[in-house]
Full PDB file with SEQRES, HELIX, SHEET, SSBOND, CRYST1, ORIGX, SCALE, CONECT and MASTER records, all heavy atoms in Angstrom:
SEQRES   1 A   33  ARG VAL MET TYR THR PRO GLY PRO VAL ALA ALA GLY LEU          
SEQRES   2 A   33  GLN VAL GLU LEU GLU ILE GLU ILE PHE ALA MET LEU ILE          
SEQRES   3 A   33  GLY GLY LYS ASP THR GLY GLY                                  
SHEET    1 AA1 2 VAL A   2  MET A   3  0                                        
SHEET    2 AA1 2 GLU A  18  ILE A  19 -1                                        
CRYST1    1.000    1.000    1.000  90.00  90.00  90.00 P 1           1          
ORIGX1      1.000000  0.000000  0.000000        0.00000                         
ORIGX2      0.000000  1.000000  0.000000        0.00000                         
ORIGX3      0.000000  0.000000  1.000000        0.00000                         
SCALE1      1.000000  0.000000  0.000000        0.00000                         
SCALE2      0.000000  1.000000  0.000000        0.00000                         
SCALE3      0.000000  0.000000  1.000000        0.00000                         
ATOM      1  N   ARG A   1       0.863  -1.139  -0.022  1.00  0.00           N  
ATOM      2  CA  ARG A   1       0.022   0.018  -0.016  1.00  0.00           C  
ATOM      3  C   ARG A   1       0.883   1.246   0.002  1.00  0.00           C  
ATOM      4  O   ARG A   1       1.962   1.272   0.697  1.00  0.00           O  
ATOM      5  CB  ARG A   1      -0.973   0.004   1.243  1.00  0.00           C  
ATOM      6  CG  ARG A   1      -1.912   1.065   1.216  1.00  0.00           C  
ATOM      7  CD  ARG A   1      -2.993   0.876   2.317  1.00  0.00           C  
ATOM      8  NE  ARG A   1      -2.317   1.063   3.621  1.00  0.00           N  
ATOM      9  CZ  ARG A   1      -2.995   1.251   4.728  1.00  0.00           C  
ATOM     10  NH1 ARG A   1      -4.288   1.006   4.733  1.00  0.00           N  
ATOM     11  NH2 ARG A   1      -2.323   1.514   5.776  1.00  0.00           N  
ATOM     12  N   VAL A   2       0.509   2.258  -0.762  1.00  0.00           N  
ATOM     13  CA  VAL A   2       1.265   3.511  -0.852  1.00  0.00           C  
ATOM     14  C   VAL A   2       0.399   4.614  -0.315  1.00  0.00           C  
ATOM     15  O   VAL A   2      -0.727   4.867  -0.698  1.00  0.00           O  
ATOM     16  CB  VAL A   2       1.649   3.810  -2.269  1.00  0.00           C  
ATOM     17  CG1 VAL A   2       2.566   5.034  -2.330  1.00  0.00           C  
ATOM     18  CG2 VAL A   2       2.451   2.635  -2.921  1.00  0.00           C  
ATOM     19  N   MET A   3       0.989   5.316   0.729  1.00  0.00           N  
ATOM     20  CA  MET A   3       0.275   6.452   1.340  1.00  0.00           C  
ATOM     21  C   MET A   3       1.053   7.738   1.062  1.00  0.00           C  
ATOM     22  O   MET A   3       2.286   7.766   1.194  1.00  0.00           O  
ATOM     23  CB  MET A   3       0.157   6.226   2.839  1.00  0.00           C  
ATOM     24  CG  MET A   3      -0.771   5.091   3.175  1.00  0.00           C  
ATOM     25  SD  MET A   3      -0.728   4.613   4.917  1.00  0.00           S  
ATOM     26  CE  MET A   3       0.820   3.853   4.996  1.00  0.00           C  
ATOM     27  N   TYR A   4       0.293   8.711   0.509  1.00  0.00           N  
ATOM     28  CA  TYR A   4       0.951  10.062   0.179  1.00  0.00           C  
ATOM     29  C   TYR A   4      -0.079  11.107   0.143  1.00  0.00           C  
ATOM     30  O   TYR A   4      -1.296  10.803   0.181  1.00  0.00           O  
ATOM     31  CB  TYR A   4       1.619   9.960  -1.222  1.00  0.00           C  
ATOM     32  CG  TYR A   4       0.588   9.700  -2.352  1.00  0.00           C  
ATOM     33  CD1 TYR A   4       0.183  10.758  -3.220  1.00  0.00           C  
ATOM     34  CD2 TYR A   4       0.032   8.403  -2.646  1.00  0.00           C  
ATOM     35  CE1 TYR A   4      -0.707  10.613  -4.236  1.00  0.00           C  
ATOM     36  CE2 TYR A   4      -0.843   8.305  -3.686  1.00  0.00           C  
ATOM     37  CZ  TYR A   4      -1.217   9.381  -4.498  1.00  0.00           C  
ATOM     38  OH  TYR A   4      -2.171   9.190  -5.463  1.00  0.00           O  
ATOM     39  N   THR A   5       0.342  12.336   0.069  1.00  0.00           N  
ATOM     40  CA  THR A   5      -0.520  13.500   0.091  1.00  0.00           C  
ATOM     41  C   THR A   5      -0.597  13.992  -1.428  1.00  0.00           C  
ATOM     42  O   THR A   5       0.465  14.389  -1.960  1.00  0.00           O  
ATOM     43  CB  THR A   5       0.020  14.648   0.921  1.00  0.00           C  
ATOM     44  OG1 THR A   5       0.162  14.097   2.262  1.00  0.00           O  
ATOM     45  CG2 THR A   5      -1.015  15.800   1.020  1.00  0.00           C  
ATOM     46  N   PRO A   6      -1.779  13.924  -2.066  1.00  0.00           N  
ATOM     47  CA  PRO A   6      -1.912  14.311  -3.455  1.00  0.00           C  
ATOM     48  C   PRO A   6      -1.856  15.824  -3.560  1.00  0.00           C  
ATOM     49  O   PRO A   6      -2.095  16.501  -2.621  1.00  0.00           O  
ATOM     50  CB  PRO A   6      -3.197  13.854  -3.856  1.00  0.00           C  
ATOM     51  CG  PRO A   6      -4.016  13.644  -2.609  1.00  0.00           C  
ATOM     52  CD  PRO A   6      -3.034  13.334  -1.536  1.00  0.00           C  
ATOM     53  N   GLY A   7      -1.499  16.303  -4.762  1.00  0.00           N  
ATOM     54  CA  GLY A   7      -1.448  17.753  -5.037  1.00  0.00           C  
ATOM     55  C   GLY A   7      -0.227  18.054  -5.885  1.00  0.00           C  
ATOM     56  O   GLY A   7       0.645  17.267  -6.073  1.00  0.00           O  
ATOM     57  N   PRO A   8      -0.124  19.334  -6.351  1.00  0.00           N  
ATOM     58  CA  PRO A   8       1.030  19.731  -7.120  1.00  0.00           C  
ATOM     59  C   PRO A   8       2.287  19.781  -6.284  1.00  0.00           C  
ATOM     60  O   PRO A   8       2.218  20.138  -5.058  1.00  0.00           O  
ATOM     61  CB  PRO A   8       0.593  21.124  -7.677  1.00  0.00           C  
ATOM     62  CG  PRO A   8      -0.384  21.574  -6.675  1.00  0.00           C  
ATOM     63  CD  PRO A   8      -1.102  20.397  -6.158  1.00  0.00           C  
ATOM     64  N   VAL A   9       3.450  19.557  -6.953  1.00  0.00           N  
ATOM     65  CA  VAL A   9       4.694  19.643  -6.258  1.00  0.00           C  
ATOM     66  C   VAL A   9       5.526  20.749  -6.981  1.00  0.00           C  
ATOM     67  O   VAL A   9       5.707  20.649  -8.208  1.00  0.00           O  
ATOM     68  CB  VAL A   9       5.525  18.296  -6.288  1.00  0.00           C  
ATOM     69  CG1 VAL A   9       6.838  18.427  -5.545  1.00  0.00           C  
ATOM     70  CG2 VAL A   9       4.654  17.240  -5.654  1.00  0.00           C  
ATOM     71  N   ALA A  10       5.913  21.788  -6.246  1.00  0.00           N  
ATOM     72  CA  ALA A  10       6.643  22.851  -6.874  1.00  0.00           C  
ATOM     73  C   ALA A  10       8.024  22.453  -7.240  1.00  0.00           C  
ATOM     74  O   ALA A  10       8.605  21.454  -6.690  1.00  0.00           O  
ATOM     75  CB  ALA A  10       6.722  24.046  -5.893  1.00  0.00           C  
ATOM     76  N   ALA A  11       8.630  23.177  -8.200  1.00  0.00           N  
ATOM     77  CA  ALA A  11       9.990  22.854  -8.604  1.00  0.00           C  
ATOM     78  C   ALA A  11      11.000  22.939  -7.474  1.00  0.00           C  
ATOM     79  O   ALA A  11      10.934  23.857  -6.685  1.00  0.00           O  
ATOM     80  CB  ALA A  11      10.415  23.763  -9.706  1.00  0.00           C  
ATOM     81  N   GLY A  12      11.806  21.832  -7.297  1.00  0.00           N  
ATOM     82  CA  GLY A  12      12.750  21.830  -6.220  1.00  0.00           C  
ATOM     83  C   GLY A  12      12.349  21.279  -4.947  1.00  0.00           C  
ATOM     84  O   GLY A  12      13.020  20.974  -4.029  1.00  0.00           O  
ATOM     85  N   LEU A  13      10.954  21.086  -4.797  1.00  0.00           N  
ATOM     86  CA  LEU A  13      10.439  20.489  -3.530  1.00  0.00           C  
ATOM     87  C   LEU A  13      10.259  19.001  -3.681  1.00  0.00           C  
ATOM     88  O   LEU A  13      10.423  18.422  -4.789  1.00  0.00           O  
ATOM     89  CB  LEU A  13       9.102  21.205  -3.209  1.00  0.00           C  
ATOM     90  CG  LEU A  13       9.252  22.648  -2.828  1.00  0.00           C  
ATOM     91  CD1 LEU A  13       7.854  23.162  -2.392  1.00  0.00           C  
ATOM     92  CD2 LEU A  13      10.239  22.902  -1.722  1.00  0.00           C  
ATOM     93  N   GLN A  14       9.968  18.289  -2.574  1.00  0.00           N  
ATOM     94  CA  GLN A  14       9.739  16.906  -2.584  1.00  0.00           C  
ATOM     95  C   GLN A  14       8.563  16.446  -1.778  1.00  0.00           C  
ATOM     96  O   GLN A  14       8.027  17.225  -0.993  1.00  0.00           O  
ATOM     97  CB  GLN A  14      11.037  16.226  -2.081  1.00  0.00           C  
ATOM     98  CG  GLN A  14      11.349  16.584  -0.594  1.00  0.00           C  
ATOM     99  CD  GLN A  14      12.731  16.207  -0.214  1.00  0.00           C  
ATOM    100  OE1 GLN A  14      13.646  16.134  -0.969  1.00  0.00           O  
ATOM    101  NE2 GLN A  14      12.913  15.995   1.110  1.00  0.00           N  
ATOM    102  N   VAL A  15       8.075  15.224  -2.040  1.00  0.00           N  
ATOM    103  CA  VAL A  15       6.979  14.678  -1.426  1.00  0.00           C  
ATOM    104  C   VAL A  15       7.436  13.289  -0.871  1.00  0.00           C  
ATOM    105  O   VAL A  15       8.229  12.616  -1.484  1.00  0.00           O  
ATOM    106  CB  VAL A  15       5.851  14.450  -2.343  1.00  0.00           C  
ATOM    107  CG1 VAL A  15       4.652  13.667  -1.770  1.00  0.00           C  
ATOM    108  CG2 VAL A  15       5.387  15.808  -2.893  1.00  0.00           C  
ATOM    109  N   GLU A  16       6.909  12.910   0.290  1.00  0.00           N  
ATOM    110  CA  GLU A  16       7.229  11.616   0.838  1.00  0.00           C  
ATOM    111  C   GLU A  16       6.152  10.589   0.494  1.00  0.00           C  
ATOM    112  O   GLU A  16       4.925  10.880   0.646  1.00  0.00           O  
ATOM    113  CB  GLU A  16       7.394  11.619   2.316  1.00  0.00           C  
ATOM    114  CG  GLU A  16       8.620  12.396   2.793  1.00  0.00           C  
ATOM    115  CD  GLU A  16       8.818  12.373   4.274  1.00  0.00           C  
ATOM    116  OE1 GLU A  16       7.997  11.902   5.057  1.00  0.00           O  
ATOM    117  OE2 GLU A  16       9.871  12.896   4.743  1.00  0.00           O  
ATOM    118  N   LEU A  17       6.574   9.425   0.030  1.00  0.00           N  
ATOM    119  CA  LEU A  17       5.652   8.315  -0.204  1.00  0.00           C  
ATOM    120  C   LEU A  17       5.945   7.263   0.802  1.00  0.00           C  
ATOM    121  O   LEU A  17       7.134   6.831   0.917  1.00  0.00           O  
ATOM    122  CB  LEU A  17       5.878   7.649  -1.623  1.00  0.00           C  
ATOM    123  CG  LEU A  17       5.824   8.620  -2.844  1.00  0.00           C  
ATOM    124  CD1 LEU A  17       6.187   7.869  -4.130  1.00  0.00           C  
ATOM    125  CD2 LEU A  17       4.452   9.279  -2.941  1.00  0.00           C  
ATOM    126  N   GLU A  18       4.943   6.836   1.560  1.00  0.00           N  
ATOM    127  CA  GLU A  18       5.216   5.780   2.599  1.00  0.00           C  
ATOM    128  C   GLU A  18       4.749   4.459   1.952  1.00  0.00           C  
ATOM    129  O   GLU A  18       3.488   4.284   1.596  1.00  0.00           O  
ATOM    130  CB  GLU A  18       4.425   6.081   3.875  1.00  0.00           C  
ATOM    131  CG  GLU A  18       4.823   5.117   4.890  1.00  0.00           C  
ATOM    132  CD  GLU A  18       4.226   5.406   6.266  1.00  0.00           C  
ATOM    133  OE1 GLU A  18       3.749   6.534   6.476  1.00  0.00           O  
ATOM    134  OE2 GLU A  18       4.144   4.534   7.108  1.00  0.00           O  
ATOM    135  N   ILE A  19       5.694   3.547   1.804  1.00  0.00           N  
ATOM    136  CA  ILE A  19       5.451   2.226   1.243  1.00  0.00           C  
ATOM    137  C   ILE A  19       5.256   1.291   2.376  1.00  0.00           C  
ATOM    138  O   ILE A  19       6.147   1.161   3.199  1.00  0.00           O  
ATOM    139  CB  ILE A  19       6.593   1.732   0.327  1.00  0.00           C  
ATOM    140  CG1 ILE A  19       7.122   2.847  -0.606  1.00  0.00           C  
ATOM    141  CG2 ILE A  19       6.176   0.423  -0.382  1.00  0.00           C  
ATOM    142  CD1 ILE A  19       6.061   3.286  -1.645  1.00  0.00           C  
ATOM    143  N   GLU A  20       4.052   0.698   2.502  1.00  0.00           N  
ATOM    144  CA  GLU A  20       3.771  -0.253   3.569  1.00  0.00           C  
ATOM    145  C   GLU A  20       3.528  -1.634   2.997  1.00  0.00           C  
ATOM    146  O   GLU A  20       2.834  -1.682   1.908  1.00  0.00           O  
ATOM    147  CB  GLU A  20       2.498   0.339   4.264  1.00  0.00           C  
ATOM    148  CG  GLU A  20       2.141  -0.378   5.518  1.00  0.00           C  
ATOM    149  CD  GLU A  20       0.968   0.196   6.241  1.00  0.00           C  
ATOM    150  OE1 GLU A  20       1.158   1.156   7.042  1.00  0.00           O  
ATOM    151  OE2 GLU A  20      -0.180  -0.239   5.922  1.00  0.00           O  
ATOM    152  N   ILE A  21       4.048  -2.638   3.644  1.00  0.00           N  
ATOM    153  CA  ILE A  21       3.743  -4.002   3.134  1.00  0.00           C  
ATOM    154  C   ILE A  21       3.318  -4.808   4.385  1.00  0.00           C  
ATOM    155  O   ILE A  21       3.880  -4.740   5.506  1.00  0.00           O  
ATOM    156  CB  ILE A  21       5.044  -4.619   2.594  1.00  0.00           C  
ATOM    157  CG1 ILE A  21       4.703  -5.989   2.042  1.00  0.00           C  
ATOM    158  CG2 ILE A  21       6.154  -4.605   3.525  1.00  0.00           C  
ATOM    159  CD1 ILE A  21       5.801  -6.578   1.091  1.00  0.00           C  
ATOM    160  N   PHE A  22       2.236  -5.568   4.168  1.00  0.00           N  
ATOM    161  CA  PHE A  22       1.766  -6.583   5.108  1.00  0.00           C  
ATOM    162  C   PHE A  22       2.244  -7.906   4.648  1.00  0.00           C  
ATOM    163  O   PHE A  22       1.906  -8.353   3.566  1.00  0.00           O  
ATOM    164  CB  PHE A  22       0.200  -6.622   5.228  1.00  0.00           C  
ATOM    165  CG  PHE A  22      -0.330  -7.649   6.125  1.00  0.00           C  
ATOM    166  CD1 PHE A  22      -0.164  -7.488   7.504  1.00  0.00           C  
ATOM    167  CD2 PHE A  22      -0.963  -8.739   5.604  1.00  0.00           C  
ATOM    168  CE1 PHE A  22      -0.641  -8.461   8.376  1.00  0.00           C  
ATOM    169  CE2 PHE A  22      -1.478  -9.721   6.535  1.00  0.00           C  
ATOM    170  CZ  PHE A  22      -1.256  -9.563   7.890  1.00  0.00           C  
ATOM    171  N   ALA A  23       3.150  -8.535   5.403  1.00  0.00           N  
ATOM    172  CA  ALA A  23       3.827  -9.767   4.959  1.00  0.00           C  
ATOM    173  C   ALA A  23       2.844 -10.918   5.051  1.00  0.00           C  
ATOM    174  O   ALA A  23       2.515 -11.373   6.131  1.00  0.00           O  
ATOM    175  CB  ALA A  23       5.041 -10.012   5.803  1.00  0.00           C  
ATOM    176  N   MET A  24       2.484 -11.397   3.845  1.00  0.00           N  
ATOM    177  CA  MET A  24       1.519 -12.570   3.839  1.00  0.00           C  
ATOM    178  C   MET A  24       1.992 -13.390   2.682  1.00  0.00           C  
ATOM    179  O   MET A  24       2.567 -12.957   1.623  1.00  0.00           O  
ATOM    180  CB  MET A  24       0.118 -12.070   3.620  1.00  0.00           C  
ATOM    181  CG  MET A  24      -0.184 -11.320   2.394  1.00  0.00           C  
ATOM    182  SD  MET A  24      -1.870 -10.811   2.329  1.00  0.00           S  
ATOM    183  CE  MET A  24      -1.932  -9.869   0.880  1.00  0.00           C  
ATOM    184  N   LEU A  25       1.703 -14.733   2.747  1.00  0.00           N  
ATOM    185  CA  LEU A  25       2.043 -15.671   1.728  1.00  0.00           C  
ATOM    186  C   LEU A  25       1.006 -15.674   0.698  1.00  0.00           C  
ATOM    187  O   LEU A  25      -0.170 -15.733   0.959  1.00  0.00           O  
ATOM    188  CB  LEU A  25       2.246 -17.070   2.251  1.00  0.00           C  
ATOM    189  CG  LEU A  25       3.458 -17.152   3.270  1.00  0.00           C  
ATOM    190  CD1 LEU A  25       3.518 -18.611   3.867  1.00  0.00           C  
ATOM    191  CD2 LEU A  25       4.705 -16.775   2.630  1.00  0.00           C  
ATOM    192  N   ILE A  26       1.416 -15.592  -0.599  1.00  0.00           N  
ATOM    193  CA  ILE A  26       0.449 -15.649  -1.705  1.00  0.00           C  
ATOM    194  C   ILE A  26       0.118 -16.990  -2.137  1.00  0.00           C  
ATOM    195  O   ILE A  26      -1.043 -17.372  -2.237  1.00  0.00           O  
ATOM    196  CB  ILE A  26       1.058 -14.812  -2.915  1.00  0.00           C  
ATOM    197  CG1 ILE A  26       1.340 -13.373  -2.474  1.00  0.00           C  
ATOM    198  CG2 ILE A  26       0.068 -14.838  -4.098  1.00  0.00           C  
ATOM    199  CD1 ILE A  26       2.147 -12.614  -3.470  1.00  0.00           C  
ATOM    200  N   GLY A  27       1.118 -17.821  -2.457  1.00  0.00           N  
ATOM    201  CA  GLY A  27       0.867 -19.216  -2.887  1.00  0.00           C  
ATOM    202  C   GLY A  27       0.695 -20.167  -1.769  1.00  0.00           C  
ATOM    203  O   GLY A  27       1.072 -19.972  -0.672  1.00  0.00           O  
ATOM    204  N   GLY A  28       0.008 -21.301  -2.143  1.00  0.00           N  
ATOM    205  CA  GLY A  28      -0.289 -22.323  -1.084  1.00  0.00           C  
ATOM    206  C   GLY A  28       0.781 -23.402  -1.082  1.00  0.00           C  
ATOM    207  O   GLY A  28       0.777 -24.214  -0.129  1.00  0.00           O  
ATOM    208  N   LYS A  29       1.702 -23.472  -2.017  1.00  0.00           N  
ATOM    209  CA  LYS A  29       2.704 -24.514  -2.089  1.00  0.00           C  
ATOM    210  C   LYS A  29       3.812 -24.220  -1.103  1.00  0.00           C  
ATOM    211  O   LYS A  29       4.116 -23.117  -0.769  1.00  0.00           O  
ATOM    212  CB  LYS A  29       3.189 -24.696  -3.448  1.00  0.00           C  
ATOM    213  CG  LYS A  29       3.953 -23.412  -4.067  1.00  0.00           C  
ATOM    214  CD  LYS A  29       4.385 -23.763  -5.505  1.00  0.00           C  
ATOM    215  CE  LYS A  29       5.113 -22.604  -6.089  1.00  0.00           C  
ATOM    216  NZ  LYS A  29       4.314 -21.382  -6.291  1.00  0.00           N  
ATOM    217  N   ASP A  30       4.523 -25.307  -0.723  1.00  0.00           N  
ATOM    218  CA  ASP A  30       5.626 -25.210   0.199  1.00  0.00           C  
ATOM    219  C   ASP A  30       6.896 -24.729  -0.606  1.00  0.00           C  
ATOM    220  O   ASP A  30       7.288 -25.260  -1.564  1.00  0.00           O  
ATOM    221  CB  ASP A  30       5.995 -26.580   0.721  1.00  0.00           C  
ATOM    222  CG  ASP A  30       7.116 -26.467   1.774  1.00  0.00           C  
ATOM    223  OD1 ASP A  30       7.299 -25.518   2.393  1.00  0.00           O  
ATOM    224  OD2 ASP A  30       7.778 -27.552   1.948  1.00  0.00           O  
ATOM    225  N   THR A  31       7.435 -23.557  -0.150  1.00  0.00           N  
ATOM    226  CA  THR A  31       8.565 -22.952  -0.872  1.00  0.00           C  
ATOM    227  C   THR A  31       9.865 -23.036  -0.004  1.00  0.00           C  
ATOM    228  O   THR A  31      10.805 -22.234  -0.226  1.00  0.00           O  
ATOM    229  CB  THR A  31       8.217 -21.468  -1.158  1.00  0.00           C  
ATOM    230  OG1 THR A  31       7.919 -20.807   0.092  1.00  0.00           O  
ATOM    231  CG2 THR A  31       7.103 -21.406  -2.197  1.00  0.00           C  
ATOM    232  N   GLY A  32       9.950 -23.924   0.976  1.00  0.00           N  
ATOM    233  CA  GLY A  32      11.114 -24.043   1.781  1.00  0.00           C  
ATOM    234  C   GLY A  32      11.220 -23.025   2.874  1.00  0.00           C  
ATOM    235  O   GLY A  32      12.281 -22.715   3.334  1.00  0.00           O  
ATOM    236  N   GLY A  33      10.031 -22.382   3.246  1.00  0.00           N  
ATOM    237  CA  GLY A  33      10.148 -21.415   4.340  1.00  0.00           C  
ATOM    238  C   GLY A  33      10.347 -20.010   3.955  1.00  0.00           C  
ATOM    239  O   GLY A  33      10.334 -19.134   4.750  1.00  0.00           O  
TER     240      GLY A  33                                                      
MASTER        0    0    0    0    2    0    0    6  239    1    0    3          
END                                                                             
């Protein structure tokens, strides 16, 4: 999930994007841990 504040960004300024991950297994097969 990406959390950020939308809107214009002026030249030379920056915006922080917070990248969040919930660790969960996608496949049902055994992948060796």
